[in-house]
Amino acid sequence: MQSGELQYLYLTTTGRVTGREREIEIWFVATGGKLYILAEHFHKAQWVQNILRNPRVKVRLGDREFEATARVLDPESDAELWQRAQQLEREKYGWGEGLPVEITPREPL
């Protein structure tokens, strides 16, 4: 199954306080060999705070699981990418608000 056909990915971050793995299910889009997810509550989202502390993440996408690096996009220096991620989410899900986070797999998708 291609990533474009999948509706969700499972993102595992490391808890910034406990050090425990935390998994969430979240909508995503893929473009340019990277994945993008949106945090509805921006920097208030616990998983965003975890990424800011430790950008190493695990991703489960369909039957694949892989390690990746995540980064929160900057509204100024990443403005074009920010808008693109939101637009792709609108096209796929009908919703595209939120803080975009870029996920770069260690191996090609």
PDB file of N, CA and C in Angstrom:
ATOM      1  N   MET A   1       0.844  -1.184   0.000  1.00  0.00           N
ATOM      2  CA  MET A   1       0.000   0.000   0.000  1.00  0.00           C
ATOM      3  C   MET A   1       0.888   1.246   0.000  1.00  0.00           C
ATOM      4  N   GLN A   2       0.606   2.183  -0.849  1.00  0.00           N
ATOM      5  CA  GLN A   2       1.371   3.414  -0.938  1.00  0.00           C
ATOM      6  C   GLN A   2       0.988   4.360   0.196  1.00  0.00           C
ATOM      7  N   SER A   3       1.946   5.210   0.614  1.00  0.00           N
ATOM      8  CA  SER A   3       1.683   6.121   1.733  1.00  0.00           C
ATOM      9  C   SER A   3       0.514   7.054   1.455  1.00  0.00           C
ATOM     10  N   GLY A   4       0.272   7.402   0.185  1.00  0.00           N
ATOM     11  CA  GLY A   4      -0.832   8.292  -0.159  1.00  0.00           C
ATOM     12  C   GLY A   4      -2.192   7.666   0.087  1.00  0.00           C
ATOM     13  N   GLU A   5      -2.258   6.329   0.120  1.00  0.00           N
ATOM     14  CA  GLU A   5      -3.515   5.637   0.356  1.00  0.00           C
ATOM     15  C   GLU A   5      -3.810   5.483   1.842  1.00  0.00           C
ATOM     16  N   LEU A   6      -2.792   5.582   2.657  1.00  0.00           N
ATOM     17  CA  LEU A   6      -2.962   5.427   4.101  1.00  0.00           C
ATOM     18  C   LEU A   6      -3.502   6.713   4.710  1.00  0.00           C
ATOM     19  N   GLN A   7      -4.305   6.578   5.743  1.00  0.00           N
ATOM     20  CA  GLN A   7      -4.898   7.743   6.393  1.00  0.00           C
ATOM     21  C   GLN A   7      -4.107   8.218   7.607  1.00  0.00           C
ATOM     22  N   TYR A   8      -3.447   7.290   8.292  1.00  0.00           N
ATOM     23  CA  TYR A   8      -2.770   7.615   9.544  1.00  0.00           C
ATOM     24  C   TYR A   8      -1.359   7.050   9.567  1.00  0.00           C
ATOM     25  N   LEU A   9      -0.533   7.684  10.377  1.00  0.00           N
ATOM     26  CA  LEU A   9       0.733   7.091  10.758  1.00  0.00           C
ATOM     27  C   LEU A   9       0.769   7.070  12.277  1.00  0.00           C
ATOM     28  N   TYR A  10       1.669   6.284  12.808  1.00  0.00           N
ATOM     29  CA  TYR A  10       1.847   6.185  14.254  1.00  0.00           C
ATOM     30  C   TYR A  10       3.230   6.728  14.570  1.00  0.00           C
ATOM     31  N   LEU A  11       3.267   7.778  15.359  1.00  0.00           N
ATOM     32  CA  LEU A  11       4.500   8.468  15.696  1.00  0.00           C
ATOM     33  C   LEU A  11       4.854   8.185  17.146  1.00  0.00           C
ATOM     34  N   THR A  12       6.088   7.728  17.350  1.00  0.00           N
ATOM     35  CA  THR A  12       6.571   7.480  18.707  1.00  0.00           C
ATOM     36  C   THR A  12       7.652   8.492  19.028  1.00  0.00           C
ATOM     37  N   THR A  13       7.417   9.256  20.086  1.00  0.00           N
ATOM     38  CA  THR A  13       8.394  10.216  20.587  1.00  0.00           C
ATOM     39  C   THR A  13       8.881   9.730  21.943  1.00  0.00           C
ATOM     40  N   THR A  14       9.940  10.361  22.433  1.00  0.00           N
ATOM     41  CA  THR A  14      10.443  10.052  23.764  1.00  0.00           C
ATOM     42  C   THR A  14       9.964  11.137  24.712  1.00  0.00           C
ATOM     43  N   GLY A  15       9.271  10.727  25.766  1.00  0.00           N
ATOM     44  CA  GLY A  15       8.749  11.689  26.734  1.00  0.00           C
ATOM     45  C   GLY A  15       9.865  12.542  27.309  1.00  0.00           C
ATOM     46  N   ARG A  16       9.695  13.851  27.267  1.00  0.00           N
ATOM     47  CA  ARG A  16      10.757  14.767  27.689  1.00  0.00           C
ATOM     48  C   ARG A  16      10.985  14.743  29.193  1.00  0.00           C
ATOM     49  N   VAL A  17       9.998  14.287  29.972  1.00  0.00           N
ATOM     50  CA  VAL A  17      10.131  14.212  31.423  1.00  0.00           C
ATOM     51  C   VAL A  17      10.440  12.781  31.862  1.00  0.00           C
ATOM     52  N   THR A  18       9.655  11.828  31.344  1.00  0.00           N
ATOM     53  CA  THR A  18       9.779  10.438  31.792  1.00  0.00           C
ATOM     54  C   THR A  18      10.823   9.634  31.030  1.00  0.00           C
ATOM     55  N   GLY A  19      11.117  10.039  29.799  1.00  0.00           N
ATOM     56  CA  GLY A  19      12.018   9.247  28.966  1.00  0.00           C
ATOM     57  C   GLY A  19      11.344   8.028  28.362  1.00  0.00           C
ATOM     58  N   ARG A  20      10.043   7.870  28.603  1.00  0.00           N
ATOM     59  CA  ARG A  20       9.288   6.730  28.066  1.00  0.00           C
ATOM     60  C   ARG A  20       8.813   7.026  26.649  1.00  0.00           C
ATOM     61  N   GLU A  21       8.645   5.959  25.879  1.00  0.00           N
ATOM     62  CA  GLU A  21       8.114   6.115  24.528  1.00  0.00           C
ATOM     63  C   GLU A  21       6.637   6.452  24.590  1.00  0.00           C
ATOM     64  N   ARG A  22       6.239   7.390  23.731  1.00  0.00           N
ATOM     65  CA  ARG A  22       4.845   7.837  23.639  1.00  0.00           C
ATOM     66  C   ARG A  22       4.415   7.742  22.180  1.00  0.00           C
ATOM     67  N   GLU A  23       3.327   7.017  21.929  1.00  0.00           N
ATOM     68  CA  GLU A  23       2.854   6.837  20.557  1.00  0.00           C
ATOM     69  C   GLU A  23       1.523   7.544  20.353  1.00  0.00           C
ATOM     70  N   ILE A  24       1.422   8.222  19.199  1.00  0.00           N
ATOM     71  CA  ILE A  24       0.153   8.837  18.813  1.00  0.00           C
ATOM     72  C   ILE A  24      -0.210   8.362  17.410  1.00  0.00           C
ATOM     73  N   GLU A  25      -1.494   8.389  17.110  1.00  0.00           N
ATOM     74  CA  GLU A  25      -1.998   8.144  15.766  1.00  0.00           C
ATOM     75  C   GLU A  25      -2.355   9.514  15.210  1.00  0.00           C
ATOM     76  N   ILE A  26      -1.906   9.814  13.985  1.00  0.00           N
ATOM     77  CA  ILE A  26      -2.117  11.154  13.451  1.00  0.00           C
ATOM     78  C   ILE A  26      -2.209  11.133  11.925  1.00  0.00           C
ATOM     79  N   TRP A  27      -3.012  12.051  11.386  1.00  0.00           N
ATOM     80  CA  TRP A  27      -3.083  12.229   9.943  1.00  0.00           C
ATOM     81  C   TRP A  27      -1.738  12.700   9.430  1.00  0.00           C
ATOM     82  N   PHE A  28      -1.444  12.412   8.168  1.00  0.00           N
ATOM     83  CA  PHE A  28      -0.169  12.825   7.591  1.00  0.00           C
ATOM     84  C   PHE A  28      -0.303  13.000   6.092  1.00  0.00           C
ATOM     85  N   VAL A  29       0.672  13.680   5.523  1.00  0.00           N
ATOM     86  CA  VAL A  29       0.839  13.757   4.073  1.00  0.00           C
ATOM     87  C   VAL A  29       2.307  13.476   3.772  1.00  0.00           C
ATOM     88  N   ALA A  30       2.577  13.058   2.545  1.00  0.00           N
ATOM     89  CA  ALA A  30       3.942  12.767   2.118  1.00  0.00           C
ATOM     90  C   ALA A  30       4.245  13.557   0.857  1.00  0.00           C
ATOM     91  N   THR A  31       5.432  14.148   0.817  1.00  0.00           N
ATOM     92  CA  THR A  31       5.908  14.839  -0.376  1.00  0.00           C
ATOM     93  C   THR A  31       7.420  14.977  -0.293  1.00  0.00           C
ATOM     94  N   GLY A  32       8.071  14.840  -1.423  1.00  0.00           N
ATOM     95  CA  GLY A  32       9.510  15.016  -1.464  1.00  0.00           C
ATOM     96  C   GLY A  32      10.292  14.069  -0.580  1.00  0.00           C
ATOM     97  N   GLY A  33       9.777  12.860  -0.358  1.00  0.00           N
ATOM     98  CA  GLY A  33      10.475  11.888   0.463  1.00  0.00           C
ATOM     99  C   GLY A  33      10.354  12.131   1.959  1.00  0.00           C
ATOM    100  N   LYS A  34       9.515  13.083   2.338  1.00  0.00           N
ATOM    101  CA  LYS A  34       9.317  13.399   3.756  1.00  0.00           C
ATOM    102  C   LYS A  34       7.837  13.314   4.096  1.00  0.00           C
ATOM    103  N   LEU A  35       7.565  13.196   5.389  1.00  0.00           N
ATOM    104  CA  LEU A  35       6.195  13.145   5.894  1.00  0.00           C
ATOM    105  C   LEU A  35       5.928  14.431   6.666  1.00  0.00           C
ATOM    106  N   TYR A  36       4.682  14.862   6.640  1.00  0.00           N
ATOM    107  CA  TYR A  36       4.303  16.072   7.366  1.00  0.00           C
ATOM    108  C   TYR A  36       3.045  15.795   8.172  1.00  0.00           C
ATOM    109  N   ILE A  37       3.067  16.251   9.409  1.00  0.00           N
ATOM    110  CA  ILE A  37       1.916  16.126  10.298  1.00  0.00           C
ATOM    111  C   ILE A  37       1.643  17.507  10.876  1.00  0.00           C
ATOM    112  N   LEU A  38       0.407  17.723  11.320  1.00  0.00           N
ATOM    113  CA  LEU A  38       0.028  19.024  11.866  1.00  0.00           C
ATOM    114  C   LEU A  38      -0.403  18.888  13.315  1.00  0.00           C
ATOM    115  N   ALA A  39       0.117  19.778  14.142  1.00  0.00           N
ATOM    116  CA  ALA A  39      -0.265  19.822  15.557  1.00  0.00           C
ATOM    117  C   ALA A  39      -1.381  20.842  15.718  1.00  0.00           C
ATOM    118  N   GLU A  40      -2.577  20.361  15.958  1.00  0.00           N
ATOM    119  CA  GLU A  40      -3.747  21.239  16.092  1.00  0.00           C
ATOM    120  C   GLU A  40      -3.547  22.277  17.192  1.00  0.00           C
ATOM    121  N   HIS A  41      -2.898  21.888  18.272  1.00  0.00           N
ATOM    122  CA  HIS A  41      -2.704  22.795  19.406  1.00  0.00           C
ATOM    123  C   HIS A  41      -1.296  23.395  19.437  1.00  0.00           C
ATOM    124  N   PHE A  42      -0.667  23.413  18.270  1.00  0.00           N
ATOM    125  CA  PHE A  42       0.660  24.012  18.094  1.00  0.00           C
ATOM    126  C   PHE A  42       1.641  23.534  19.174  1.00  0.00           C
ATOM    127  N   HIS A  43       2.348  24.445  19.812  1.00  0.00           N
ATOM    128  CA  HIS A  43       3.385  24.065  20.777  1.00  0.00           C
ATOM    129  C   HIS A  43       2.834  23.527  22.097  1.00  0.00           C
ATOM    130  N   LYS A  44       1.523  23.581  22.283  1.00  0.00           N
ATOM    131  CA  LYS A  44       0.922  23.016  23.497  1.00  0.00           C
ATOM    132  C   LYS A  44       0.844  21.499  23.437  1.00  0.00           C
ATOM    133  N   ALA A  45       0.925  20.932  22.235  1.00  0.00           N
ATOM    134  CA  ALA A  45       0.848  19.473  22.081  1.00  0.00           C
ATOM    135  C   ALA A  45       2.052  18.828  22.762  1.00  0.00           C
ATOM    136  N   GLN A  46       1.783  17.829  23.577  1.00  0.00           N
ATOM    137  CA  GLN A  46       2.859  17.142  24.300  1.00  0.00           C
ATOM    138  C   GLN A  46       3.880  16.531  23.346  1.00  0.00           C
ATOM    139  N   TRP A  47       3.404  15.955  22.249  1.00  0.00           N
ATOM    140  CA  TRP A  47       4.323  15.308  21.319  1.00  0.00           C
ATOM    141  C   TRP A  47       5.223  16.331  20.631  1.00  0.00           C
ATOM    142  N   VAL A  48       4.728  17.551  20.412  1.00  0.00           N
ATOM    143  CA  VAL A  48       5.572  18.609  19.843  1.00  0.00           C
ATOM    144  C   VAL A  48       6.667  18.975  20.844  1.00  0.00           C
ATOM    145  N   GLN A  49       6.300  19.112  22.102  1.00  0.00           N
ATOM    146  CA  GLN A  49       7.285  19.427  23.135  1.00  0.00           C
ATOM    147  C   GLN A  49       8.339  18.323  23.237  1.00  0.00           C
ATOM    148  N   ASN A  50       7.896  17.068  23.084  1.00  0.00           N
ATOM    149  CA  ASN A  50       8.845  15.948  23.100  1.00  0.00           C
ATOM    150  C   ASN A  50       9.830  16.049  21.937  1.00  0.00           C
ATOM    151  N   ILE A  51       9.332  16.387  20.755  1.00  0.00           N
ATOM    152  CA  ILE A  51      10.192  16.518  19.574  1.00  0.00           C
ATOM    153  C   ILE A  51      11.189  17.659  19.749  1.00  0.00           C
ATOM    154  N   LEU A  52      10.746  18.757  20.326  1.00  0.00           N
ATOM    155  CA  LEU A  52      11.648  19.882  20.552  1.00  0.00           C
ATOM    156  C   LEU A  52      12.798  19.479  21.479  1.00  0.00           C
ATOM    157  N   ARG A  53      12.521  18.582  22.391  1.00  0.00           N
ATOM    158  CA  ARG A  53      13.547  18.100  23.332  1.00  0.00           C
ATOM    159  C   ARG A  53      14.435  17.028  22.710  1.00  0.00           C
ATOM    160  N   ASN A  54      13.812  16.131  21.910  1.00  0.00           N
ATOM    161  CA  ASN A  54      14.545  15.028  21.286  1.00  0.00           C
ATOM    162  C   ASN A  54      13.896  14.743  19.920  1.00  0.00           C
ATOM    163  N   PRO A  55      14.544  15.152  18.822  1.00  0.00           N
ATOM    164  CA  PRO A  55      13.938  15.001  17.493  1.00  0.00           C
ATOM    165  C   PRO A  55      13.974  13.587  16.917  1.00  0.00           C
ATOM    166  N   ARG A  56      14.614  12.652  17.609  1.00  0.00           N
ATOM    167  CA  ARG A  56      14.635  11.275  17.111  1.00  0.00           C
ATOM    168  C   ARG A  56      13.293  10.611  17.397  1.00  0.00           C
ATOM    169  N   VAL A  57      12.654  10.089  16.352  1.00  0.00           N
ATOM    170  CA  VAL A  57      11.331   9.491  16.481  1.00  0.00           C
ATOM    171  C   VAL A  57      11.296   8.150  15.748  1.00  0.00           C
ATOM    172  N   LYS A  58      10.232   7.402  16.012  1.00  0.00           N
ATOM    173  CA  LYS A  58       9.935   6.180  15.262  1.00  0.00           C
ATOM    174  C   LYS A  58       8.592   6.401  14.582  1.00  0.00           C
ATOM    175  N   VAL A  59       8.465   5.840  13.398  1.00  0.00           N
ATOM    176  CA  VAL A  59       7.231   5.975  12.630  1.00  0.00           C
ATOM    177  C   VAL A  59       6.772   4.601  12.196  1.00  0.00           C
ATOM    178  N   ARG A  60       5.484   4.363  12.350  1.00  0.00           N
ATOM    179  CA  ARG A  60       4.862   3.150  11.816  1.00  0.00           C
ATOM    180  C   ARG A  60       3.879   3.613  10.757  1.00  0.00           C
ATOM    181  N   LEU A  61       4.104   3.167   9.539  1.00  0.00           N
ATOM    182  CA  LEU A  61       3.304   3.575   8.390  1.00  0.00           C
ATOM    183  C   LEU A  61       2.880   2.318   7.651  1.00  0.00           C
ATOM    184  N   GLY A  62       1.621   1.950   7.799  1.00  0.00           N
ATOM    185  CA  GLY A  62       1.170   0.688   7.230  1.00  0.00           C
ATOM    186  C   GLY A  62       1.916  -0.446   7.904  1.00  0.00           C
ATOM    187  N   ASP A  63       2.550  -1.297   7.106  1.00  0.00           N
ATOM    188  CA  ASP A  63       3.294  -2.428   7.671  1.00  0.00           C
ATOM    189  C   ASP A  63       4.784  -2.130   7.831  1.00  0.00           C
ATOM    190  N   ARG A  64       5.164  -0.879   7.626  1.00  0.00           N
ATOM    191  CA  ARG A  64       6.569  -0.482   7.787  1.00  0.00           C
ATOM    192  C   ARG A  64       6.776   0.277   9.086  1.00  0.00           C
ATOM    193  N   GLU A  65       7.936   0.065   9.680  1.00  0.00           N
ATOM    194  CA  GLU A  65       8.323   0.821  10.865  1.00  0.00           C
ATOM    195  C   GLU A  65       9.756   1.280  10.641  1.00  0.00           C
ATOM    196  N   PHE A  66      10.029   2.549  10.946  1.00  0.00           N
ATOM    197  CA  PHE A  66      11.366   3.070  10.703  1.00  0.00           C
ATOM    198  C   PHE A  66      11.682   4.224  11.643  1.00  0.00           C
ATOM    199  N   GLU A  67      12.977   4.492  11.748  1.00  0.00           N
ATOM    200  CA  GLU A  67      13.439   5.611  12.558  1.00  0.00           C
ATOM    201  C   GLU A  67      13.505   6.845  11.668  1.00  0.00           C
ATOM    202  N   ALA A  68      13.354   7.999  12.301  1.00  0.00           N
ATOM    203  CA  ALA A  68      13.333   9.255  11.558  1.00  0.00           C
ATOM    204  C   ALA A  68      13.746  10.396  12.477  1.00  0.00           C
ATOM    205  N   THR A  69      13.890  11.555  11.875  1.00  0.00           N
ATOM    206  CA  THR A  69      14.151  12.779  12.619  1.00  0.00           C
ATOM    207  C   THR A  69      13.000  13.728  12.331  1.00  0.00           C
ATOM    208  N   ALA A  70      12.482  14.350  13.379  1.00  0.00           N
ATOM    209  CA  ALA A  70      11.363  15.278  13.228  1.00  0.00           C
ATOM    210  C   ALA A  70      11.814  16.689  13.571  1.00  0.00           C
ATOM    211  N   ARG A  71      11.220  17.659  12.893  1.00  0.00           N
ATOM    212  CA  ARG A  71      11.484  19.047  13.242  1.00  0.00           C
ATOM    213  C   ARG A  71      10.229  19.874  13.037  1.00  0.00           C
ATOM    214  N   VAL A  72      10.042  20.816  13.932  1.00  0.00           N
ATOM    215  CA  VAL A  72       8.912  21.739  13.851  1.00  0.00           C
ATOM    216  C   VAL A  72       9.295  22.818  12.847  1.00  0.00           C
ATOM    217  N   LEU A  73       8.425  23.061  11.870  1.00  0.00           N
ATOM    218  CA  LEU A  73       8.727  24.080  10.875  1.00  0.00           C
ATOM    219  C   LEU A  73       8.621  25.476  11.480  1.00  0.00           C
ATOM    220  N   ASP A  74       9.444  26.364  10.973  1.00  0.00           N
ATOM    221  CA  ASP A  74       9.452  27.753  11.408  1.00  0.00           C
ATOM    222  C   ASP A  74       8.553  28.559  10.463  1.00  0.00           C
ATOM    223  N   PRO A  75       7.637  29.384  11.010  1.00  0.00           N
ATOM    224  CA  PRO A  75       6.693  30.106  10.149  1.00  0.00           C
ATOM    225  C   PRO A  75       7.364  31.098   9.193  1.00  0.00           C
ATOM    226  N   GLU A  76       8.557  31.556   9.513  1.00  0.00           N
ATOM    227  CA  GLU A  76       9.243  32.508   8.635  1.00  0.00           C
ATOM    228  C   GLU A  76      10.216  31.822   7.687  1.00  0.00           C
ATOM    229  N   SER A  77      11.190  31.106   8.230  1.00  0.00           N
ATOM    230  CA  SER A  77      12.204  30.503   7.357  1.00  0.00           C
ATOM    231  C   SER A  77      11.667  29.321   6.555  1.00  0.00           C
ATOM    232  N   ASP A  78      10.592  28.702   7.014  1.00  0.00           N
ATOM    233  CA  ASP A  78       9.983  27.573   6.296  1.00  0.00           C
ATOM    234  C   ASP A  78       8.592  27.932   5.759  1.00  0.00           C
ATOM    235  N   ALA A  79       8.347  29.200   5.499  1.00  0.00           N
ATOM    236  CA  ALA A  79       6.995  29.666   5.135  1.00  0.00           C
ATOM    237  C   ALA A  79       6.400  28.906   3.953  1.00  0.00           C
ATOM    238  N   GLU A  80       7.172  28.704   2.901  1.00  0.00           N
ATOM    239  CA  GLU A  80       6.650  28.020   1.716  1.00  0.00           C
ATOM    240  C   GLU A  80       6.309  26.564   2.025  1.00  0.00           C
ATOM    241  N   LEU A  81       7.182  25.891   2.737  1.00  0.00           N
ATOM    242  CA  LEU A  81       6.955  24.497   3.117  1.00  0.00           C
ATOM    243  C   LEU A  81       5.781  24.385   4.090  1.00  0.00           C
ATOM    244  N   TRP A  82       5.682  25.333   5.007  1.00  0.00           N
ATOM    245  CA  TRP A  82       4.578  25.403   5.977  1.00  0.00           C
ATOM    246  C   TRP A  82       3.248  25.421   5.217  1.00  0.00           C
ATOM    247  N   GLN A  83       3.143  26.327   4.244  1.00  0.00           N
ATOM    248  CA  GLN A  83       1.905  26.454   3.465  1.00  0.00           C
ATOM    249  C   GLN A  83       1.639  25.202   2.642  1.00  0.00           C
ATOM    250  N   ARG A  84       2.684  24.620   2.084  1.00  0.00           N
ATOM    251  CA  ARG A  84       2.529  23.409   1.269  1.00  0.00           C
ATOM    252  C   ARG A  84       2.002  22.252   2.111  1.00  0.00           C
ATOM    253  N   ALA A  85       2.559  22.066   3.295  1.00  0.00           N
ATOM    254  CA  ALA A  85       2.106  20.984   4.174  1.00  0.00           C
ATOM    255  C   ALA A  85       0.638  21.176   4.542  1.00  0.00           C
ATOM    256  N   GLN A  86       0.257  22.402   4.878  1.00  0.00           N
ATOM    257  CA  GLN A  86      -1.133  22.671   5.230  1.00  0.00           C
ATOM    258  C   GLN A  86      -2.056  22.443   4.033  1.00  0.00           C
ATOM    259  N   GLN A  87      -1.626  22.869   2.840  1.00  0.00           N
ATOM    260  CA  GLN A  87      -2.447  22.688   1.640  1.00  0.00           C
ATOM    261  C   GLN A  87      -2.637  21.207   1.327  1.00  0.00           C
ATOM    262  N   LEU A  88      -1.572  20.411   1.431  1.00  0.00           N
ATOM    263  CA  LEU A  88      -1.683  18.979   1.171  1.00  0.00           C
ATOM    264  C   LEU A  88      -2.639  18.313   2.160  1.00  0.00           C
ATOM    265  N   GLU A  89      -2.603  18.740   3.405  1.00  0.00           N
ATOM    266  CA  GLU A  89      -3.541  18.199   4.407  1.00  0.00           C
ATOM    267  C   GLU A  89      -4.980  18.587   4.060  1.00  0.00           C
ATOM    268  N   ARG A  90      -5.187  19.832   3.619  1.00  0.00           N
ATOM    269  CA  ARG A  90      -6.539  20.262   3.224  1.00  0.00           C
ATOM    270  C   ARG A  90      -7.058  19.405   2.075  1.00  0.00           C
ATOM    271  N   GLU A  91      -6.176  19.150   1.102  1.00  0.00           N
ATOM    272  CA  GLU A  91      -6.580  18.348  -0.063  1.00  0.00           C
ATOM    273  C   GLU A  91      -6.899  16.911   0.326  1.00  0.00           C
ATOM    274  N   LYS A  92      -6.149  16.352   1.251  1.00  0.00           N
ATOM    275  CA  LYS A  92      -6.331  14.945   1.632  1.00  0.00           C
ATOM    276  C   LYS A  92      -7.464  14.761   2.641  1.00  0.00           C
ATOM    277  N   TYR A  93      -7.585  15.684   3.605  1.00  0.00           N
ATOM    278  CA  TYR A  93      -8.513  15.489   4.716  1.00  0.00           C
ATOM    279  C   TYR A  93      -9.603  16.554   4.840  1.00  0.00           C
ATOM    280  N   GLY A  94      -9.466  17.675   4.115  1.00  0.00           N
ATOM    281  CA  GLY A  94     -10.435  18.753   4.259  1.00  0.00           C
ATOM    282  C   GLY A  94     -10.141  19.634   5.465  1.00  0.00           C
ATOM    283  N   TRP A  95      -8.968  19.461   6.055  1.00  0.00           N
ATOM    284  CA  TRP A  95      -8.546  20.256   7.220  1.00  0.00           C
ATOM    285  C   TRP A  95      -7.045  20.438   7.120  1.00  0.00           C
ATOM    286  N   GLY A  96      -6.561  21.662   7.341  1.00  0.00           N
ATOM    287  CA  GLY A  96      -5.140  21.882   7.208  1.00  0.00           C
ATOM    288  C   GLY A  96      -4.590  22.937   8.140  1.00  0.00           C
ATOM    289  N   GLU A  97      -5.251  23.122   9.261  1.00  0.00           N
ATOM    290  CA  GLU A  97      -4.772  24.102  10.229  1.00  0.00           C
ATOM    291  C   GLU A  97      -3.806  23.403  11.181  1.00  0.00           C
ATOM    292  N   GLY A  98      -2.941  24.150  11.785  1.00  0.00           N
ATOM    293  CA  GLY A  98      -2.037  23.563  12.764  1.00  0.00           C
ATOM    294  C   GLY A  98      -0.585  23.809  12.432  1.00  0.00           C
ATOM    295  N   LEU A  99       0.250  23.437  13.369  1.00  0.00           N
ATOM    296  CA  LEU A  99       1.697  23.605  13.277  1.00  0.00           C
ATOM    297  C   LEU A  99       2.299  22.434  12.510  1.00  0.00           C
ATOM    298  N   PRO A 100       2.909  22.686  11.354  1.00  0.00           N
ATOM    299  CA  PRO A 100       3.494  21.588  10.592  1.00  0.00           C
ATOM    300  C   PRO A 100       4.795  21.076  11.206  1.00  0.00           C
ATOM    301  N   VAL A 101       4.909  19.763  11.216  1.00  0.00           N
ATOM    302  CA  VAL A 101       6.116  19.078  11.684  1.00  0.00           C
ATOM    303  C   VAL A 101       6.575  18.186  10.538  1.00  0.00           C
ATOM    304  N   GLU A 102       7.843  18.314  10.189  1.00  0.00           N
ATOM    305  CA  GLU A 102       8.444  17.543   9.116  1.00  0.00           C
ATOM    306  C   GLU A 102       9.145  16.321   9.685  1.00  0.00           C
ATOM    307  N   ILE A 103       8.905  15.174   9.068  1.00  0.00           N
ATOM    308  CA  ILE A 103       9.534  13.926   9.492  1.00  0.00           C
ATOM    309  C   ILE A 103      10.402  13.428   8.348  1.00  0.00           C
ATOM    310  N   THR A 104      11.681  13.282   8.617  1.00  0.00           N
ATOM    311  CA  THR A 104      12.635  12.811   7.610  1.00  0.00           C
ATOM    312  C   THR A 104      13.067  11.400   7.973  1.00  0.00           C
ATOM    313  N   PRO A 105      12.612  10.399   7.202  1.00  0.00           N
ATOM    314  CA  PRO A 105      13.011   9.012   7.471  1.00  0.00           C
ATOM    315  C   PRO A 105      14.512   8.828   7.266  1.00  0.00           C
ATOM    316  N   ARG A 106      15.111   7.942   8.038  1.00  0.00           N
ATOM    317  CA  ARG A 106      16.539   7.665   7.876  1.00  0.00           C
ATOM    318  C   ARG A 106      16.821   6.933   6.585  1.00  0.00           C
ATOM    319  N   GLU A 107      15.810   6.199   6.082  1.00  0.00           N
ATOM    320  CA  GLU A 107      15.923   5.493   4.819  1.00  0.00           C
ATOM    321  C   GLU A 107      14.834   6.024   3.894  1.00  0.00           C
ATOM    322  N   PRO A 108      15.047   6.010   2.581  1.00  0.00           N
ATOM    323  CA  PRO A 108      14.017   6.511   1.647  1.00  0.00           C
ATOM    324  C   PRO A 108      12.676   5.802   1.829  1.00  0.00           C
ATOM    325  N   LEU A 109      11.618   6.547   1.657  1.00  0.00           N
ATOM    326  CA  LEU A 109      10.260   5.977   1.779  1.00  0.00           C
ATOM    327  C   LEU A 109       9.978   4.983   0.705  1.00  0.00           C
TER     328      LEU A 109
END
